[in-house]
Amino acid sequence: MLIKSTLAALLAGAALAAPSFAQDWPKRQVTITAVTGPGGSPDTVGRLIASKLTERIGKPVVVENNTSGAGVTGTLAVSRSTPDGHNIVILTGGTPSQQLLRPDQPYDLRKDFATVTTLCAYPMVLAVAPNSSIKSLPDLIARAKAAPGKVTYTMNAVGSLHHLLGEWVGIEAGVEMTGVPYRGAPPAFMDVSSGRVDVMIDTGTFVLPQIEQKQLRGLAQSAPGAYALAPGIPAVAETLPNVTIMSWLGFAMAKNTPRPVVDRLNAEIRAILDMDDVKQKLAQMGNVPMPSTPEEMQARIEREMAQWKRVIDAKGIKAE
């Protein structure tokens, strides 16, 4: 009887302790690390969420930019932080492919983080200059078949979503196109608009406003189907059914962060993403809210790693 009573007391104590983690959080400032510079999507969305979260939890929530080591330094710091929910990193849709290309990174996305939730998502967009003779994705593919390797597209770093999407389109269409690397979207845009490069492949957050202003003309976007913020731009999948990808942003913390804290933050983010003004501001950036469970975010990371591994292996892509 004594053993049963002791066990019952321990279980009751554990049940009471779990909610207290969430009730006691946060005890101090919460820091969100964005591994891109000011003005990028992680920074902009992070600050939007941080301002709302500050109001809801009663403690300051700040965004710190840490681009050192191509984002590895900031991500590593969060993975090694005390697992108490006061340090968050914004992961991006490019994080899974970078894990594959740089397996020597000092952390593993699959093991070293407690995923919280995805925040928002947006497609990649293929676009051309308004006066380009390329009128559609089928037209682009026909041009590439007629002149292997001659059709050019803009990309970010080797292994970026821009690059991998360009290669994936090529694999599925049976064509060879040449990626031209740029340090950021603005110089890539200038070369496409001037005709020096044939096609721009970039995030919807950058390209859609250029299309709206008639500075570019959209060929296709990579959402699984029609994208509400890009009416009239067909999905890549309408021509190449296997090619669908949404870039995304999401929150993660150090592994072993107490689950009640993870769940509390998840609930707060869901409430924030459901606010009308937040939806409006995200839409202005070409984003749609996309909250998830921690398990759904982890599954997305693993699914996309498997997806990009096929492209990386097929094209023999190596990190620079």
Protein backbone atom coordinates (compact mmCIF):
# COMPACT_ATOMS: atom_id res chain seq x y z
CA MET A 1 0.00 0.00 0.00
CA LEU A 2 2.89 2.34 0.85
CA ILE A 3 4.45 1.79 -2.61
CA LYS A 4 1.12 2.46 -4.33
CA SER A 5 0.57 5.60 -2.28
CA THR A 6 4.08 6.87 -3.06
CA LEU A 7 3.63 6.18 -6.79
CA ALA A 8 0.29 7.95 -6.79
CA ALA A 9 1.83 10.96 -5.09
CA LEU A 10 4.67 11.11 -7.63
CA LEU A 11 2.26 10.91 -10.56
CA ALA A 12 0.07 13.61 -9.06
CA GLY A 13 3.12 15.80 -8.51
CA ALA A 14 4.22 15.33 -12.13
CA ALA A 15 0.75 16.22 -13.38
CA LEU A 16 0.82 19.44 -11.37
CA ALA A 17 4.38 20.28 -12.40
CA ALA A 18 3.74 20.10 -16.15
CA PRO A 19 1.30 23.05 -16.31
CA SER A 20 3.51 25.08 -13.97
CA PHE A 21 6.29 25.11 -16.61
CA ALA A 22 3.94 26.91 -18.99
CA GLN A 23 2.51 29.18 -16.28
CA ASP A 24 5.98 30.26 -15.14
CA TRP A 25 7.20 30.96 -18.69
CA PRO A 26 8.62 33.38 -19.53
CA LYS A 27 10.63 34.57 -16.55
CA ARG A 28 12.66 37.14 -18.51
CA GLN A 29 13.25 38.50 -22.00
CA VAL A 30 12.67 36.09 -24.89
CA THR A 31 15.17 36.35 -27.76
CA ILE A 32 14.33 35.34 -31.33
CA THR A 33 17.40 34.78 -33.51
CA ALA A 34 17.04 35.57 -37.22
CA VAL A 35 19.97 34.21 -39.21
CA THR A 36 19.47 36.68 -42.05
CA GLY A 37 20.05 40.40 -42.14
CA PRO A 38 17.58 43.20 -41.43
CA GLY A 39 14.79 43.46 -43.98
CA GLY A 40 14.73 39.79 -44.97
CA SER A 41 11.63 37.67 -44.44
CA PRO A 42 12.86 36.03 -41.20
CA ASP A 43 13.69 39.43 -39.74
CA THR A 44 10.48 41.15 -40.88
CA VAL A 45 8.14 38.33 -39.90
CA GLY A 46 10.07 37.74 -36.69
CA ARG A 47 9.62 41.35 -35.61
CA LEU A 48 5.92 41.26 -36.43
CA ILE A 49 5.46 38.16 -34.27
CA ALA A 50 7.74 39.52 -31.53
CA SER A 51 5.70 42.70 -31.09
CA LYS A 52 2.47 40.75 -30.70
CA LEU A 53 4.05 38.14 -28.44
CA THR A 54 5.41 40.86 -26.15
CA GLU A 55 1.87 42.13 -25.63
CA ARG A 56 0.52 38.66 -24.91
CA ILE A 57 3.13 37.25 -22.52
CA GLY A 58 4.05 40.40 -20.60
CA LYS A 59 7.81 40.12 -21.13
CA PRO A 60 9.94 41.73 -23.85
CA VAL A 61 10.47 39.66 -26.99
CA VAL A 62 13.34 40.89 -29.19
CA VAL A 63 14.77 39.85 -32.52
CA GLU A 64 18.52 39.60 -32.93
CA ASN A 65 20.13 39.18 -36.36
CA ASN A 66 23.08 36.81 -36.52
CA THR A 67 24.34 36.12 -40.04
CA SER A 68 27.75 34.87 -38.93
CA GLY A 69 28.82 31.63 -40.59
CA ALA A 70 25.94 31.82 -43.08
CA GLY A 71 23.53 31.51 -40.16
CA VAL A 72 25.22 28.52 -38.55
CA THR A 73 26.52 30.49 -35.56
CA GLY A 74 23.14 31.80 -34.46
CA THR A 75 21.37 28.50 -35.05
CA LEU A 76 24.03 26.63 -33.09
CA ALA A 77 23.80 29.10 -30.20
CA VAL A 78 20.07 28.43 -29.83
CA SER A 79 20.55 24.65 -30.06
CA ARG A 80 23.06 24.85 -27.19
CA SER A 81 21.12 27.34 -25.08
CA THR A 82 19.46 26.43 -21.78
CA PRO A 83 16.27 24.56 -22.75
CA ASP A 84 13.88 26.84 -20.92
CA GLY A 85 12.06 28.52 -23.82
CA HIS A 86 13.81 31.89 -23.67
CA ASN A 87 15.81 31.42 -26.88
CA ILE A 88 14.15 30.80 -30.25
CA VAL A 89 15.60 30.48 -33.75
CA ILE A 90 13.69 31.13 -36.96
CA LEU A 91 14.29 28.23 -39.33
CA THR A 92 13.54 28.70 -43.03
CA GLY A 93 12.53 26.59 -45.99
CA GLY A 94 16.18 26.58 -47.03
CA THR A 95 17.36 25.00 -43.78
CA PRO A 96 16.67 21.33 -44.76
CA SER A 97 18.71 21.51 -47.98
CA GLN A 98 21.60 23.24 -46.20
CA GLN A 99 21.68 20.41 -43.66
CA LEU A 100 22.11 17.97 -46.55
CA LEU A 101 24.79 20.00 -48.31
CA ARG A 102 26.72 20.66 -45.11
CA PRO A 103 26.44 17.48 -43.02
CA ASP A 104 29.42 18.65 -40.97
CA GLN A 105 27.35 21.44 -39.44
CA PRO A 106 27.65 21.33 -35.63
CA TYR A 107 23.97 20.52 -35.21
CA ASP A 108 21.39 18.17 -36.70
CA LEU A 109 17.92 19.50 -37.50
CA ARG A 110 16.44 16.09 -36.80
CA LYS A 111 17.95 15.68 -33.32
CA ASP A 112 19.07 18.94 -31.76
CA PHE A 113 15.93 21.09 -31.70
CA ALA A 114 12.46 21.22 -30.25
CA THR A 115 10.30 22.38 -33.15
CA VAL A 116 7.43 24.67 -32.13
CA THR A 117 5.40 25.64 -35.18
CA THR A 118 5.69 26.88 -38.72
CA LEU A 119 4.68 30.54 -38.97
CA CYS A 120 3.93 31.27 -42.60
CA ALA A 121 4.65 30.04 -46.10
CA TYR A 122 5.05 31.41 -49.59
CA PRO A 123 5.83 29.94 -53.01
CA MET A 124 8.86 30.45 -55.15
CA VAL A 125 8.07 32.26 -58.39
CA LEU A 126 9.48 32.03 -61.92
CA ALA A 127 9.27 35.37 -63.69
CA VAL A 128 10.65 37.18 -66.74
CA ALA A 129 11.01 40.75 -67.95
CA PRO A 130 7.72 42.23 -69.19
CA ASN A 131 9.01 42.30 -72.77
CA SER A 132 10.50 38.80 -72.69
CA SER A 133 9.64 36.52 -75.59
CA ILE A 134 9.18 33.68 -73.08
CA LYS A 135 5.42 33.71 -72.47
CA SER A 136 4.79 30.66 -70.23
CA LEU A 137 6.45 27.78 -68.43
CA PRO A 138 5.83 25.41 -71.40
CA ASP A 139 7.45 28.05 -73.60
CA LEU A 140 10.46 28.20 -71.27
CA ILE A 141 10.81 24.43 -71.38
CA ALA A 142 10.60 24.44 -75.19
CA ARG A 143 13.36 27.07 -75.36
CA ALA A 144 15.56 25.05 -73.03
CA LYS A 145 15.05 21.88 -75.08
CA ALA A 146 15.99 23.71 -78.26
CA ALA A 147 19.16 25.17 -76.73
CA PRO A 148 20.49 22.96 -73.89
CA GLY A 149 22.27 24.97 -71.21
CA LYS A 150 21.63 28.30 -72.92
CA VAL A 151 18.56 29.39 -70.94
CA THR A 152 19.68 31.12 -67.74
CA TYR A 153 17.97 31.66 -64.40
CA THR A 154 18.89 33.59 -61.28
CA MET A 155 19.74 31.76 -58.08
CA ASN A 156 21.03 32.51 -54.64
CA ALA A 157 23.84 30.38 -53.22
CA VAL A 158 24.50 26.84 -54.41
CA GLY A 159 21.91 24.62 -52.75
CA SER A 160 19.46 27.46 -52.10
CA LEU A 161 15.78 26.92 -52.85
CA HIS A 162 16.22 29.12 -55.93
CA HIS A 163 18.93 26.82 -57.25
CA LEU A 164 17.26 23.55 -56.30
CA LEU A 165 13.93 24.56 -57.80
CA GLY A 166 15.64 25.47 -61.06
CA GLU A 167 17.35 22.09 -61.13
CA TRP A 168 14.15 20.26 -60.17
CA VAL A 169 12.27 21.91 -63.01
CA GLY A 170 15.07 20.85 -65.33
CA ILE A 171 14.99 17.25 -64.10
CA GLU A 172 11.21 16.91 -64.47
CA ALA A 173 11.15 18.66 -67.85
CA GLY A 174 14.19 16.81 -69.18
CA VAL A 175 16.11 20.01 -69.94
CA GLU A 176 19.34 21.69 -68.91
CA MET A 177 19.28 25.29 -67.74
CA THR A 178 22.13 27.32 -66.26
CA GLY A 179 21.86 28.97 -62.85
CA VAL A 180 23.55 32.33 -62.37
CA PRO A 181 24.38 33.09 -58.70
CA TYR A 182 23.62 36.46 -57.10
CA ARG A 183 24.07 37.93 -53.65
CA GLY A 184 20.47 38.86 -53.08
CA ALA A 185 17.37 39.50 -55.13
CA PRO A 186 17.86 43.17 -56.17
CA PRO A 187 20.88 42.60 -58.47
CA ALA A 188 19.24 39.46 -59.88
CA PHE A 189 16.11 41.48 -60.63
CA MET A 190 18.17 44.13 -62.44
CA ASP A 191 19.77 41.57 -64.73
CA VAL A 192 16.47 39.87 -65.56
CA SER A 193 14.65 43.14 -66.20
CA SER A 194 17.49 44.26 -68.49
CA GLY A 195 17.50 40.95 -70.39
CA ARG A 196 20.96 39.77 -69.34
CA VAL A 197 19.42 36.70 -67.66
CA ASP A 198 16.32 34.95 -68.98
CA VAL A 199 14.36 33.99 -65.86
CA MET A 200 14.20 35.06 -62.24
CA ILE A 201 13.56 32.37 -59.63
CA ASP A 202 13.01 33.92 -56.24
CA THR A 203 10.66 34.06 -53.29
CA GLY A 204 7.11 35.21 -53.70
CA THR A 205 7.85 37.81 -51.03
CA PHE A 206 10.18 39.57 -53.47
CA VAL A 207 8.80 38.69 -56.90
CA LEU A 208 5.05 39.17 -56.42
CA PRO A 209 5.33 42.90 -55.65
CA GLN A 210 7.48 43.31 -58.79
CA ILE A 211 4.82 41.53 -60.83
CA GLU A 212 2.09 43.71 -59.34
CA GLN A 213 4.09 46.81 -60.31
CA LYS A 214 4.53 45.44 -63.87
CA GLN A 215 8.30 45.21 -63.40
CA LEU A 216 8.23 41.45 -64.02
CA ARG A 217 5.80 39.02 -65.62
CA GLY A 218 5.01 35.80 -63.77
CA LEU A 219 5.40 32.47 -65.54
CA ALA A 220 4.59 30.07 -62.70
CA GLN A 221 4.60 29.71 -58.92
CA SER A 222 5.52 26.64 -56.91
CA ALA A 223 2.48 26.25 -54.62
CA PRO A 224 0.62 22.93 -54.98
CA GLY A 225 -2.23 24.74 -56.75
CA ALA A 226 -3.57 28.24 -57.26
CA TYR A 227 -2.09 30.75 -54.82
CA ALA A 228 -4.54 33.33 -53.52
CA LEU A 229 -1.93 36.09 -53.42
CA ALA A 230 -0.86 35.44 -57.02
CA PRO A 231 -4.09 35.25 -59.02
CA GLY A 232 -3.51 34.51 -62.66
CA ILE A 233 -0.08 32.95 -62.18
CA PRO A 234 -0.34 29.20 -62.88
CA ALA A 235 1.24 26.59 -60.65
CA VAL A 236 4.39 24.88 -61.88
CA ALA A 237 2.53 21.64 -61.13
CA GLU A 238 0.06 22.37 -63.94
CA THR A 239 2.94 21.66 -66.33
CA LEU A 240 5.20 19.50 -64.13
CA PRO A 241 2.92 17.68 -61.66
CA ASN A 242 5.70 16.54 -59.32
CA VAL A 243 7.11 20.01 -58.70
CA THR A 244 5.53 21.69 -55.68
CA ILE A 245 7.29 23.51 -52.87
CA MET A 246 6.38 26.22 -50.39
CA SER A 247 9.13 28.06 -48.63
CA TRP A 248 8.37 28.70 -44.96
CA LEU A 249 9.47 30.16 -41.68
CA GLY A 250 9.20 28.38 -38.34
CA PHE A 251 10.20 28.57 -34.68
CA ALA A 252 12.46 26.07 -32.95
CA MET A 253 14.15 25.94 -29.55
CA ALA A 254 16.78 23.80 -27.86
CA LYS A 255 15.95 20.14 -27.54
CA ASN A 256 14.61 19.07 -24.15
CA THR A 257 12.66 22.32 -23.79
CA PRO A 258 9.73 21.25 -21.56
CA ARG A 259 6.75 20.27 -23.69
CA PRO A 260 4.35 22.53 -21.73
CA VAL A 261 6.51 25.52 -22.72
CA VAL A 262 6.52 24.39 -26.36
CA ASP A 263 2.75 23.98 -26.27
CA ARG A 264 2.24 27.40 -24.63
CA LEU A 265 4.32 29.14 -27.30
CA ASN A 266 2.57 27.16 -30.03
CA ALA A 267 -0.81 28.32 -28.72
CA GLU A 268 0.32 31.95 -28.51
CA ILE A 269 1.63 31.89 -32.09
CA ARG A 270 -1.60 30.35 -33.37
CA ALA A 271 -3.58 33.14 -31.73
CA ILE A 272 -1.27 35.79 -33.21
CA LEU A 273 -1.44 34.32 -36.72
CA ASP A 274 -5.22 34.41 -36.49
CA MET A 275 -5.27 38.19 -35.96
CA ASP A 276 -6.67 40.15 -38.90
CA ASP A 277 -3.92 42.78 -38.89
CA VAL A 278 -1.23 40.09 -38.81
CA LYS A 279 -2.85 38.29 -41.75
CA GLN A 280 -2.97 41.57 -43.64
CA LYS A 281 0.68 42.38 -42.98
CA LEU A 282 1.78 38.88 -43.97
CA ALA A 283 -0.25 39.15 -47.19
CA GLN A 284 1.54 42.40 -48.01
CA MET A 285 4.76 40.38 -47.87
CA GLY A 286 3.33 37.61 -50.07
CA ASN A 287 2.91 35.25 -47.11
CA VAL A 288 0.01 33.20 -45.81
CA PRO A 289 -0.20 32.09 -42.14
CA MET A 290 0.63 28.41 -41.71
CA PRO A 291 0.65 27.32 -38.06
CA SER A 292 1.39 23.68 -37.32
CA THR A 293 1.91 21.27 -34.47
CA PRO A 294 5.52 20.66 -33.41
CA GLU A 295 5.27 17.20 -34.96
CA GLU A 296 3.99 18.58 -38.27
CA MET A 297 6.91 21.00 -38.47
CA GLN A 298 9.40 18.22 -37.75
CA ALA A 299 7.77 16.01 -40.38
CA ARG A 300 8.00 18.87 -42.92
CA ILE A 301 11.73 19.19 -42.30
CA GLU A 302 12.31 15.46 -42.74
CA ARG A 303 10.05 15.27 -45.82
CA GLU A 304 11.84 18.15 -47.51
CA MET A 305 15.25 16.72 -46.70
CA ALA A 306 14.23 13.53 -48.52
CA GLN A 307 12.82 15.54 -51.42
CA TRP A 308 15.92 17.72 -51.87
CA LYS A 309 18.26 14.76 -51.47
CA ARG A 310 16.85 13.33 -54.71
CA VAL A 311 17.58 16.58 -56.55
CA ILE A 312 21.02 17.03 -54.98
CA ASP A 313 22.04 13.46 -55.77
CA ALA A 314 20.65 13.54 -59.31
CA LYS A 315 22.58 16.72 -60.18
CA GLY A 316 25.67 16.01 -58.08
CA ILE A 317 25.33 19.36 -56.26
CA LYS A 318 28.10 20.17 -53.79
CA ALA A 319 28.33 23.00 -51.29
CA GLU A 320 30.76 25.74 -52.24
